[in-house]
Amino acid sequence: MTQKTYQYINNFWDDTEAGKQSGVDRLIYRSNKLGADQRITNTSGGNTSSKLTDKDPLTGQTVEVLWVKGSGGDLRTSTKENFSSLYQQKLLDLQKTYAARKDKGLKSPAEDDMVAMYNHCTFNLNPRASSIDTPLHSFLPARHVDHTHPNAVIAVAASARCQELTKEIYGEEIGYVHQLGR
């Protein structure tokens, strides 16, 4: 990994230390480092995830599991107990369930019902409640997703020219995701 030098934020990542970690432990390491600088992640803001493979305790088959930091808590101090684990394929299948609903849309009963469905996707009886942002982490194709709430980016996103400014400032390094109908 090529390390960039930043003028206004601290890069706490240590390739040697990270190299000692794998799976959920590396996700926790990454999360703690992102949360260590409040210019990147304001207090309790955001969540991180990794799509990892694991052995299904019921079938013995290898399955893809989404580990995502649950709502609440602080990335800086998160431990494994702060992450929910869900069957990735079951989460993807929820898209069909949602699509079949007539009452879907922003702030709809279908949207609220989907949150309750995450419990049915739980991997290995993990009791941690899933984040409301679970679909973001599941449906994006990336294996690792870092969803943070830096104040500078929030200011850009809340501006009248948000999409234009995002491209002007970040070029193609950052994608702009917005909700239709807003």
N, C-alpha and C. Protein backbone atom coordinates (compact mmCIF):
# COMPACT_ATOMS: atom_id res chain seq x y z
N MET A 1 0.84 -1.17 0.00
CA MET A 1 0.00 0.00 0.00
C MET A 1 0.89 1.24 0.00
N THR A 2 0.59 2.19 -0.87
CA THR A 2 1.34 3.43 -0.92
C THR A 2 0.74 4.40 0.09
N GLN A 3 1.57 4.90 0.97
CA GLN A 3 1.13 5.84 1.99
C GLN A 3 1.15 7.25 1.42
N LYS A 4 0.05 7.98 1.58
CA LYS A 4 0.00 9.39 1.18
C LYS A 4 0.37 10.23 2.39
N THR A 5 0.88 11.41 2.12
CA THR A 5 1.16 12.37 3.18
C THR A 5 0.02 13.37 3.18
N TYR A 6 -0.55 13.58 4.35
CA TYR A 6 -1.67 14.50 4.49
C TYR A 6 -1.26 15.68 5.34
N GLN A 7 -1.76 16.85 4.98
CA GLN A 7 -1.40 18.06 5.71
C GLN A 7 -2.30 18.29 6.92
N TYR A 8 -3.58 17.93 6.82
CA TYR A 8 -4.52 18.31 7.86
C TYR A 8 -5.10 17.16 8.69
N ILE A 9 -4.82 15.94 8.31
CA ILE A 9 -5.30 14.81 9.09
C ILE A 9 -4.13 13.90 9.45
N ASN A 10 -4.33 13.08 10.45
CA ASN A 10 -3.29 12.15 10.87
C ASN A 10 -3.53 10.79 10.24
N ASN A 11 -2.49 10.17 9.74
CA ASN A 11 -2.58 8.83 9.20
C ASN A 11 -2.05 7.88 10.27
N PHE A 12 -2.97 7.22 10.98
CA PHE A 12 -2.60 6.32 12.07
C PHE A 12 -2.34 4.89 11.61
N TRP A 13 -2.53 4.61 10.32
CA TRP A 13 -2.38 3.26 9.79
C TRP A 13 -0.93 2.83 9.88
N ASP A 14 -0.71 1.61 10.33
CA ASP A 14 0.63 1.03 10.43
C ASP A 14 0.60 -0.30 9.67
N ASP A 15 1.26 -0.35 8.50
CA ASP A 15 1.25 -1.55 7.68
C ASP A 15 1.73 -2.79 8.44
N THR A 16 2.73 -2.62 9.29
CA THR A 16 3.26 -3.76 10.06
C THR A 16 2.19 -4.28 11.02
N GLU A 17 1.57 -3.37 11.75
CA GLU A 17 0.52 -3.77 12.70
C GLU A 17 -0.69 -4.34 11.97
N ALA A 18 -1.11 -3.69 10.89
CA ALA A 18 -2.26 -4.17 10.12
C ALA A 18 -1.99 -5.55 9.53
N GLY A 19 -0.73 -5.78 9.13
CA GLY A 19 -0.36 -7.07 8.56
C GLY A 19 -0.49 -8.23 9.53
N LYS A 20 -0.50 -7.93 10.81
CA LYS A 20 -0.67 -8.97 11.83
C LYS A 20 -2.14 -9.34 12.01
N GLN A 21 -3.03 -8.54 11.44
CA GLN A 21 -4.47 -8.73 11.63
C GLN A 21 -5.08 -9.38 10.39
N SER A 22 -6.16 -10.10 10.60
CA SER A 22 -6.93 -10.65 9.47
C SER A 22 -8.39 -10.71 9.87
N GLY A 23 -9.25 -10.85 8.88
CA GLY A 23 -10.68 -11.01 9.12
C GLY A 23 -11.28 -9.88 9.95
N VAL A 24 -12.08 -10.26 10.93
CA VAL A 24 -12.77 -9.29 11.78
C VAL A 24 -11.76 -8.44 12.56
N ASP A 25 -10.65 -9.03 12.98
CA ASP A 25 -9.65 -8.26 13.72
C ASP A 25 -9.09 -7.11 12.88
N ARG A 26 -8.90 -7.34 11.60
CA ARG A 26 -8.40 -6.26 10.73
C ARG A 26 -9.48 -5.20 10.53
N LEU A 27 -10.74 -5.60 10.44
CA LEU A 27 -11.84 -4.65 10.36
C LEU A 27 -11.87 -3.77 11.61
N ILE A 28 -11.69 -4.37 12.76
CA ILE A 28 -11.67 -3.61 14.02
C ILE A 28 -10.48 -2.65 14.03
N TYR A 29 -9.31 -3.13 13.60
CA TYR A 29 -8.13 -2.27 13.53
C TYR A 29 -8.41 -1.06 12.64
N ARG A 30 -8.96 -1.31 11.46
CA ARG A 30 -9.27 -0.24 10.51
C ARG A 30 -10.27 0.74 11.11
N SER A 31 -11.28 0.22 11.76
CA SER A 31 -12.32 1.05 12.37
C SER A 31 -11.74 1.95 13.46
N ASN A 32 -10.92 1.36 14.32
CA ASN A 32 -10.31 2.13 15.41
C ASN A 32 -9.43 3.24 14.87
N LYS A 33 -8.69 2.97 13.79
CA LYS A 33 -7.82 4.00 13.21
C LYS A 33 -8.64 5.11 12.58
N LEU A 34 -9.71 4.78 11.88
CA LEU A 34 -10.57 5.81 11.29
C LEU A 34 -11.22 6.67 12.37
N GLY A 35 -11.61 6.05 13.46
CA GLY A 35 -12.26 6.79 14.53
C GLY A 35 -11.33 7.60 15.40
N ALA A 36 -10.02 7.38 15.25
CA ALA A 36 -9.05 8.07 16.11
C ALA A 36 -8.88 9.54 15.78
N ASP A 37 -9.27 9.96 14.58
CA ASP A 37 -9.14 11.36 14.19
C ASP A 37 -10.53 11.90 13.91
N GLN A 38 -11.02 12.77 14.77
CA GLN A 38 -12.40 13.25 14.63
C GLN A 38 -12.61 14.14 13.41
N ARG A 39 -11.56 14.48 12.72
CA ARG A 39 -11.73 15.20 11.45
C ARG A 39 -12.16 14.23 10.36
N ILE A 40 -11.90 12.94 10.56
CA ILE A 40 -12.32 11.91 9.61
C ILE A 40 -13.68 11.35 10.02
N THR A 41 -13.84 11.08 11.29
CA THR A 41 -15.07 10.48 11.80
C THR A 41 -15.45 11.20 13.08
N ASN A 42 -16.51 12.03 13.00
CA ASN A 42 -16.89 12.74 14.23
C ASN A 42 -17.45 11.75 15.24
N THR A 43 -17.56 12.14 16.49
CA THR A 43 -17.91 11.24 17.59
C THR A 43 -19.10 10.36 17.24
N SER A 44 -18.89 9.07 17.32
CA SER A 44 -19.89 8.02 17.07
C SER A 44 -20.41 8.01 15.65
N GLY A 45 -19.87 8.82 14.76
CA GLY A 45 -20.39 8.89 13.41
C GLY A 45 -19.85 7.80 12.51
N GLY A 46 -20.73 7.27 11.71
CA GLY A 46 -20.35 6.32 10.68
C GLY A 46 -20.20 4.89 11.15
N ASN A 47 -19.91 4.05 10.19
CA ASN A 47 -19.65 2.64 10.48
C ASN A 47 -18.81 2.06 9.36
N THR A 48 -18.23 0.93 9.64
CA THR A 48 -17.34 0.24 8.72
C THR A 48 -17.84 -1.18 8.53
N SER A 49 -17.41 -1.79 7.44
CA SER A 49 -17.82 -3.18 7.21
C SER A 49 -16.80 -3.92 6.38
N SER A 50 -16.87 -5.23 6.46
CA SER A 50 -16.09 -6.12 5.60
C SER A 50 -16.95 -7.32 5.25
N LYS A 51 -16.84 -7.75 4.01
CA LYS A 51 -17.49 -8.98 3.57
C LYS A 51 -16.42 -10.07 3.63
N LEU A 52 -16.62 -11.00 4.55
CA LEU A 52 -15.63 -12.05 4.82
C LEU A 52 -16.27 -13.41 4.60
N THR A 53 -15.46 -14.41 4.37
CA THR A 53 -15.99 -15.76 4.27
C THR A 53 -15.80 -16.46 5.61
N ASP A 54 -16.78 -17.33 5.92
CA ASP A 54 -16.74 -18.07 7.17
C ASP A 54 -17.49 -19.38 6.97
N LYS A 55 -17.33 -20.26 7.90
CA LYS A 55 -18.00 -21.56 7.84
C LYS A 55 -19.37 -21.42 8.50
N ASP A 56 -20.41 -21.75 7.75
CA ASP A 56 -21.77 -21.70 8.27
C ASP A 56 -21.92 -22.75 9.37
N PRO A 57 -22.31 -22.34 10.59
CA PRO A 57 -22.41 -23.31 11.68
C PRO A 57 -23.51 -24.34 11.46
N LEU A 58 -24.46 -24.08 10.58
CA LEU A 58 -25.55 -25.02 10.33
C LEU A 58 -25.21 -26.03 9.24
N THR A 59 -24.59 -25.55 8.16
CA THR A 59 -24.36 -26.42 7.01
C THR A 59 -22.91 -26.86 6.85
N GLY A 60 -21.99 -26.14 7.49
CA GLY A 60 -20.57 -26.43 7.30
C GLY A 60 -20.02 -25.84 6.00
N GLN A 61 -20.88 -25.23 5.20
CA GLN A 61 -20.47 -24.63 3.93
C GLN A 61 -19.80 -23.28 4.17
N THR A 62 -18.93 -22.91 3.25
CA THR A 62 -18.33 -21.58 3.30
C THR A 62 -19.34 -20.58 2.76
N VAL A 63 -19.59 -19.51 3.52
CA VAL A 63 -20.56 -18.48 3.12
C VAL A 63 -19.91 -17.11 3.27
N GLU A 64 -20.49 -16.14 2.57
CA GLU A 64 -20.04 -14.77 2.71
C GLU A 64 -20.82 -14.12 3.84
N VAL A 65 -20.09 -13.47 4.75
CA VAL A 65 -20.70 -12.84 5.93
C VAL A 65 -20.33 -11.36 5.91
N LEU A 66 -21.34 -10.52 6.07
CA LEU A 66 -21.11 -9.09 6.20
C LEU A 66 -20.97 -8.77 7.68
N TRP A 67 -19.83 -8.25 8.04
CA TRP A 67 -19.59 -7.73 9.39
C TRP A 67 -19.71 -6.22 9.30
N VAL A 68 -20.62 -5.62 10.04
CA VAL A 68 -20.85 -4.18 9.98
C VAL A 68 -21.01 -3.64 11.39
N LYS A 69 -20.36 -2.50 11.65
CA LYS A 69 -20.48 -1.89 12.97
C LYS A 69 -21.93 -1.50 13.18
N GLY A 70 -22.48 -1.90 14.29
CA GLY A 70 -23.86 -1.58 14.62
C GLY A 70 -24.03 -0.12 14.98
N SER A 71 -25.26 0.30 15.07
CA SER A 71 -25.55 1.68 15.44
C SER A 71 -25.10 1.96 16.87
N GLY A 72 -24.68 3.19 17.10
CA GLY A 72 -24.20 3.57 18.42
C GLY A 72 -22.76 3.16 18.60
N GLY A 73 -22.17 3.63 19.64
CA GLY A 73 -20.77 3.31 19.89
C GLY A 73 -19.86 4.18 19.06
N ASP A 74 -18.60 4.06 19.30
CA ASP A 74 -17.59 4.91 18.69
C ASP A 74 -16.62 4.04 17.92
N LEU A 75 -16.34 4.38 16.66
CA LEU A 75 -15.37 3.61 15.88
C LEU A 75 -14.02 3.52 16.58
N ARG A 76 -13.64 4.60 17.24
CA ARG A 76 -12.33 4.68 17.89
C ARG A 76 -12.12 3.59 18.93
N THR A 77 -13.18 3.18 19.60
CA THR A 77 -13.07 2.20 20.69
C THR A 77 -13.83 0.90 20.41
N SER A 78 -14.30 0.72 19.19
CA SER A 78 -15.10 -0.46 18.87
C SER A 78 -14.32 -1.76 19.05
N THR A 79 -15.04 -2.76 19.49
CA THR A 79 -14.50 -4.12 19.62
C THR A 79 -15.42 -5.04 18.82
N LYS A 80 -15.11 -6.31 18.79
CA LYS A 80 -15.92 -7.27 18.02
C LYS A 80 -17.38 -7.24 18.46
N GLU A 81 -17.62 -6.96 19.72
CA GLU A 81 -18.99 -6.94 20.24
C GLU A 81 -19.82 -5.80 19.65
N ASN A 82 -19.18 -4.82 19.00
CA ASN A 82 -19.89 -3.71 18.38
C ASN A 82 -20.31 -3.99 16.94
N PHE A 83 -19.97 -5.17 16.43
CA PHE A 83 -20.25 -5.50 15.04
C PHE A 83 -21.30 -6.59 14.93
N SER A 84 -22.25 -6.37 14.02
CA SER A 84 -23.21 -7.43 13.72
C SER A 84 -22.64 -8.27 12.57
N SER A 85 -23.07 -9.50 12.49
CA SER A 85 -22.63 -10.38 11.40
C SER A 85 -23.89 -10.94 10.74
N LEU A 86 -23.93 -10.81 9.43
CA LEU A 86 -25.13 -11.20 8.68
C LEU A 86 -24.76 -11.99 7.44
N TYR A 87 -25.63 -12.94 7.09
CA TYR A 87 -25.44 -13.67 5.85
C TYR A 87 -25.61 -12.69 4.70
N GLN A 88 -24.57 -12.50 3.91
CA GLN A 88 -24.62 -11.55 2.80
C GLN A 88 -25.70 -11.94 1.78
N GLN A 89 -25.83 -13.20 1.46
CA GLN A 89 -26.82 -13.61 0.45
C GLN A 89 -28.24 -13.33 0.93
N LYS A 90 -28.51 -13.54 2.21
CA LYS A 90 -29.85 -13.24 2.73
C LYS A 90 -30.14 -11.75 2.64
N LEU A 91 -29.13 -10.92 2.90
CA LEU A 91 -29.32 -9.48 2.76
C LEU A 91 -29.63 -9.12 1.31
N LEU A 92 -28.90 -9.71 0.38
CA LEU A 92 -29.16 -9.44 -1.04
C LEU A 92 -30.57 -9.88 -1.43
N ASP A 93 -31.01 -11.01 -0.87
CA ASP A 93 -32.36 -11.51 -1.16
C ASP A 93 -33.45 -10.58 -0.64
N LEU A 94 -33.15 -9.79 0.38
CA LEU A 94 -34.14 -8.82 0.89
C LEU A 94 -34.52 -7.79 -0.17
N GLN A 95 -33.67 -7.57 -1.15
CA GLN A 95 -34.00 -6.63 -2.22
C GLN A 95 -35.26 -7.10 -2.96
N LYS A 96 -35.40 -8.41 -3.14
CA LYS A 96 -36.59 -8.95 -3.81
C LYS A 96 -37.82 -8.75 -2.94
N THR A 97 -37.66 -8.98 -1.64
CA THR A 97 -38.77 -8.79 -0.71
C THR A 97 -39.24 -7.35 -0.73
N TYR A 98 -38.32 -6.43 -0.69
CA TYR A 98 -38.65 -5.01 -0.72
C TYR A 98 -39.30 -4.63 -2.05
N ALA A 99 -38.75 -5.10 -3.14
CA ALA A 99 -39.27 -4.77 -4.47
C ALA A 99 -40.71 -5.24 -4.65
N ALA A 100 -41.09 -6.33 -3.97
CA ALA A 100 -42.44 -6.85 -4.10
C ALA A 100 -43.47 -6.06 -3.30
N ARG A 101 -43.03 -5.19 -2.43
CA ARG A 101 -43.95 -4.41 -1.59
C ARG A 101 -44.58 -3.27 -2.39
N LYS A 102 -45.86 -3.07 -2.19
CA LYS A 102 -46.57 -1.96 -2.84
C LYS A 102 -46.34 -0.65 -2.08
N ASP A 103 -46.04 -0.75 -0.79
CA ASP A 103 -45.92 0.43 0.06
C ASP A 103 -44.47 0.87 0.27
N LYS A 104 -43.62 0.60 -0.71
CA LYS A 104 -42.20 0.96 -0.55
C LYS A 104 -41.99 2.44 -0.89
N GLY A 105 -40.87 2.95 -0.40
CA GLY A 105 -40.50 4.34 -0.67
C GLY A 105 -39.93 4.97 0.59
N LEU A 106 -39.55 6.25 0.46
CA LEU A 106 -38.98 6.97 1.59
C LEU A 106 -39.94 7.00 2.77
N LYS A 107 -39.40 6.70 3.94
CA LYS A 107 -40.16 6.77 5.20
C LYS A 107 -41.46 5.96 5.13
N SER A 108 -41.41 4.83 4.45
CA SER A 108 -42.60 3.99 4.27
C SER A 108 -42.59 2.82 5.24
N PRO A 109 -43.76 2.18 5.43
CA PRO A 109 -43.79 0.97 6.25
C PRO A 109 -42.86 -0.13 5.73
N ALA A 110 -42.71 -0.22 4.42
CA ALA A 110 -41.82 -1.24 3.85
C ALA A 110 -40.38 -0.99 4.28
N GLU A 111 -39.98 0.27 4.28
CA GLU A 111 -38.62 0.62 4.70
C GLU A 111 -38.40 0.23 6.16
N ASP A 112 -39.36 0.54 7.02
CA ASP A 112 -39.25 0.17 8.43
C ASP A 112 -39.24 -1.35 8.62
N ASP A 113 -40.05 -2.05 7.86
CA ASP A 113 -40.11 -3.51 7.97
C ASP A 113 -38.80 -4.17 7.57
N MET A 114 -38.10 -3.58 6.62
CA MET A 114 -36.82 -4.15 6.19
C MET A 114 -35.81 -4.16 7.33
N VAL A 115 -35.81 -3.12 8.15
CA VAL A 115 -34.88 -3.07 9.29
C VAL A 115 -35.13 -4.27 10.21
N ALA A 116 -36.40 -4.58 10.45
CA ALA A 116 -36.74 -5.72 11.31
C ALA A 116 -36.32 -7.05 10.68
N MET A 117 -36.22 -7.08 9.35
CA MET A 117 -35.84 -8.31 8.66
C MET A 117 -34.36 -8.66 8.84
N TYR A 118 -33.53 -7.69 9.22
CA TYR A 118 -32.11 -7.97 9.40
C TYR A 118 -31.90 -9.07 10.43
N ASN A 119 -32.77 -9.12 11.43
CA ASN A 119 -32.64 -10.18 12.46
C ASN A 119 -32.69 -11.57 11.84
N HIS A 120 -33.43 -11.72 10.75
CA HIS A 120 -33.55 -13.01 10.09
C HIS A 120 -32.31 -13.34 9.25
N CYS A 121 -31.42 -12.39 9.11
CA CYS A 121 -30.20 -12.58 8.33
C CYS A 121 -28.97 -12.78 9.23
N THR A 122 -29.17 -12.81 10.53
CA THR A 122 -28.07 -12.89 11.48
C THR A 122 -27.26 -14.16 11.29
N PHE A 123 -25.95 -13.99 11.28
CA PHE A 123 -25.02 -15.11 11.18
C PHE A 123 -24.53 -15.50 12.56
N ASN A 124 -24.58 -16.78 12.87
CA ASN A 124 -24.01 -17.36 14.07
C ASN A 124 -24.56 -16.76 15.37
N LEU A 125 -25.84 -16.45 15.38
CA LEU A 125 -26.56 -15.98 16.57
C LEU A 125 -25.96 -14.72 17.20
N ASN A 126 -25.28 -13.90 16.40
CA ASN A 126 -24.67 -12.67 16.90
C ASN A 126 -25.79 -11.75 17.41
N PRO A 127 -25.75 -11.35 18.69
CA PRO A 127 -26.84 -10.56 19.25
C PRO A 127 -26.78 -9.06 18.93
N ARG A 128 -25.71 -8.58 18.29
CA ARG A 128 -25.56 -7.14 18.04
C ARG A 128 -26.58 -6.67 17.01
N ALA A 129 -27.33 -5.64 17.34
CA ALA A 129 -28.30 -5.07 16.41
C ALA A 129 -27.57 -4.47 15.21
N SER A 130 -28.13 -4.66 14.05
CA SER A 130 -27.53 -4.14 12.82
C SER A 130 -27.74 -2.65 12.69
N SER A 131 -26.85 -2.04 11.96
CA SER A 131 -26.95 -0.61 11.67
C SER A 131 -28.09 -0.35 10.70
N ILE A 132 -28.68 0.82 10.79
CA ILE A 132 -29.68 1.24 9.81
C ILE A 132 -29.03 1.35 8.43
N ASP A 133 -27.71 1.48 8.40
CA ASP A 133 -26.97 1.60 7.14
C ASP A 133 -26.54 0.25 6.56
N THR A 134 -27.04 -0.84 7.10
CA THR A 134 -26.66 -2.16 6.62
C THR A 134 -26.83 -2.31 5.10
N PRO A 135 -27.94 -1.85 4.51
CA PRO A 135 -28.05 -2.00 3.05
C PRO A 135 -26.92 -1.31 2.28
N LEU A 136 -26.49 -0.14 2.73
CA LEU A 136 -25.38 0.55 2.08
C LEU A 136 -24.17 -0.37 2.02
N HIS A 137 -23.86 -1.00 3.13
CA HIS A 137 -22.69 -1.87 3.21
C HIS A 137 -22.87 -3.16 2.43
N SER A 138 -24.07 -3.69 2.44
CA SER A 138 -24.34 -4.95 1.75
C SER A 138 -24.42 -4.79 0.24
N PHE A 139 -25.13 -3.78 -0.22
CA PHE A 139 -25.44 -3.67 -1.64
C PHE A 139 -24.31 -3.06 -2.47
N LEU A 140 -23.42 -2.29 -1.84
CA LEU A 140 -22.26 -1.80 -2.59
C LEU A 140 -21.34 -2.98 -2.88
N PRO A 141 -20.77 -3.04 -4.08
CA PRO A 141 -19.97 -4.21 -4.46
C PRO A 141 -18.61 -4.32 -3.75
N ALA A 142 -18.16 -3.26 -3.12
CA ALA A 142 -16.85 -3.29 -2.46
C ALA A 142 -16.84 -4.27 -1.29
N ARG A 143 -15.74 -4.95 -1.09
CA ARG A 143 -15.61 -5.91 0.02
C ARG A 143 -15.44 -5.18 1.35
N HIS A 144 -14.91 -3.96 1.32
CA HIS A 144 -14.71 -3.18 2.54
C HIS A 144 -15.31 -1.80 2.30
N VAL A 145 -16.16 -1.36 3.23
CA VAL A 145 -16.81 -0.05 3.10
C VAL A 145 -16.57 0.73 4.39
N ASP A 146 -16.11 1.95 4.23
CA ASP A 146 -15.92 2.86 5.37
C ASP A 146 -16.86 4.03 5.18
N HIS A 147 -17.86 4.11 6.02
CA HIS A 147 -18.87 5.17 5.97
C HIS A 147 -18.61 6.06 7.17
N THR A 148 -18.01 7.21 6.91
CA THR A 148 -17.65 8.11 8.00
C THR A 148 -18.42 9.43 7.84
N HIS A 149 -18.36 10.25 8.84
CA HIS A 149 -19.08 11.52 8.87
C HIS A 149 -18.13 12.70 9.13
N PRO A 150 -17.16 12.94 8.25
CA PRO A 150 -16.26 14.07 8.49
C PRO A 150 -17.00 15.40 8.31
N ASN A 151 -16.77 16.32 9.22
CA ASN A 151 -17.47 17.60 9.18
C ASN A 151 -17.26 18.34 7.87
N ALA A 152 -16.06 18.31 7.31
CA ALA A 152 -15.79 19.01 6.06
C ALA A 152 -16.64 18.46 4.92
N VAL A 153 -16.78 17.14 4.86
CA VAL A 153 -17.57 16.52 3.80
C VAL A 153 -19.06 16.79 4.03
N ILE A 154 -19.49 16.78 5.27
CA ILE A 154 -20.89 17.10 5.58
C ILE A 154 -21.21 18.51 5.09
N ALA A 155 -20.29 19.45 5.29
CA ALA A 155 -20.49 20.83 4.83
C ALA A 155 -20.66 20.87 3.30
N VAL A 156 -19.85 20.12 2.58
CA VAL A 156 -19.98 20.07 1.12
C VAL A 156 -21.30 19.43 0.72
N ALA A 157 -21.63 18.31 1.36
CA ALA A 157 -22.86 17.58 1.02
C ALA A 157 -24.12 18.38 1.32
N ALA A 158 -24.05 19.29 2.29
CA ALA A 158 -25.22 20.08 2.66
C ALA A 158 -25.32 21.37 1.86
N SER A 159 -24.39 21.60 0.97
CA SER A 159 -24.40 22.85 0.19
C SER A 159 -25.33 22.75 -1.00
N ALA A 160 -25.71 23.89 -1.54
CA ALA A 160 -26.60 23.93 -2.70
C ALA A 160 -25.95 23.30 -3.93
N ARG A 161 -24.64 23.36 -4.03
CA ARG A 161 -23.91 22.83 -5.19
C ARG A 161 -23.18 21.52 -4.84
N CYS A 162 -23.79 20.69 -4.02
CA CYS A 162 -23.11 19.53 -3.45
C CYS A 162 -22.48 18.60 -4.49
N GLN A 163 -23.19 18.22 -5.52
CA GLN A 163 -22.63 17.29 -6.50
C GLN A 163 -21.47 17.93 -7.27
N GLU A 164 -21.65 19.17 -7.69
CA GLU A 164 -20.61 19.88 -8.42
C GLU A 164 -19.36 20.06 -7.56
N LEU A 165 -19.55 20.47 -6.32
CA LEU A 165 -18.41 20.67 -5.42
C LEU A 165 -17.69 19.36 -5.11
N THR A 166 -18.44 18.29 -4.94
CA THR A 166 -17.84 16.98 -4.67
C THR A 166 -16.87 16.61 -5.79
N LYS A 167 -17.31 16.75 -7.03
CA LYS A 167 -16.46 16.42 -8.17
C LYS A 167 -15.28 17.38 -8.27
N GLU A 168 -15.52 18.67 -8.02
CA GLU A 168 -14.46 19.67 -8.09
C GLU A 168 -13.36 19.41 -7.05
N ILE A 169 -13.76 19.06 -5.86
CA ILE A 169 -12.80 18.85 -4.77
C ILE A 169 -12.11 17.50 -4.85
N TYR A 170 -12.90 16.44 -5.09
CA TYR A 170 -12.37 15.09 -4.98
C TYR A 170 -12.15 14.38 -6.31
N GLY A 171 -12.58 14.98 -7.40
CA GLY A 171 -12.43 14.33 -8.70
C GLY A 171 -13.16 13.00 -8.71
N GLU A 172 -12.49 11.97 -9.17
CA GLU A 172 -13.10 10.64 -9.26
C GLU A 172 -12.78 9.76 -8.06
N GLU A 173 -12.10 10.30 -7.04
CA GLU A 173 -11.70 9.51 -5.88
C GLU A 173 -12.88 9.16 -4.98
N ILE A 174 -13.90 10.01 -4.99
CA ILE A 174 -15.05 9.80 -4.11
C ILE A 174 -16.31 9.83 -4.96
N GLY A 175 -17.19 8.88 -4.72
CA GLY A 175 -18.47 8.85 -5.42
C GLY A 175 -19.51 9.60 -4.63
N TYR A 176 -20.42 10.21 -5.31
CA TYR A 176 -21.52 10.93 -4.66
C TYR A 176 -22.75 10.05 -4.73
N VAL A 177 -23.27 9.65 -3.59
CA VAL A 177 -24.47 8.83 -3.52
C VAL A 177 -25.57 9.70 -2.95
N HIS A 178 -26.68 9.81 -3.68
CA HIS A 178 -27.79 10.59 -3.15
C HIS A 178 -29.07 9.77 -3.30
N GLN A 179 -30.05 10.16 -2.56
CA GLN A 179 -31.31 9.44 -2.53
C GLN A 179 -32.25 10.09 -3.53
N LEU A 180 -32.82 9.27 -4.39
CA LEU A 180 -33.76 9.78 -5.38
C LEU A 180 -35.00 10.35 -4.69
N GLY A 181 -35.57 11.34 -5.27
CA GLY A 181 -36.78 11.93 -4.72
C GLY A 181 -36.52 13.02 -3.70
N ARG A 182 -35.27 13.35 -3.48
CA ARG A 182 -34.95 14.40 -2.51
C ARG A 182 -34.40 15.61 -3.22
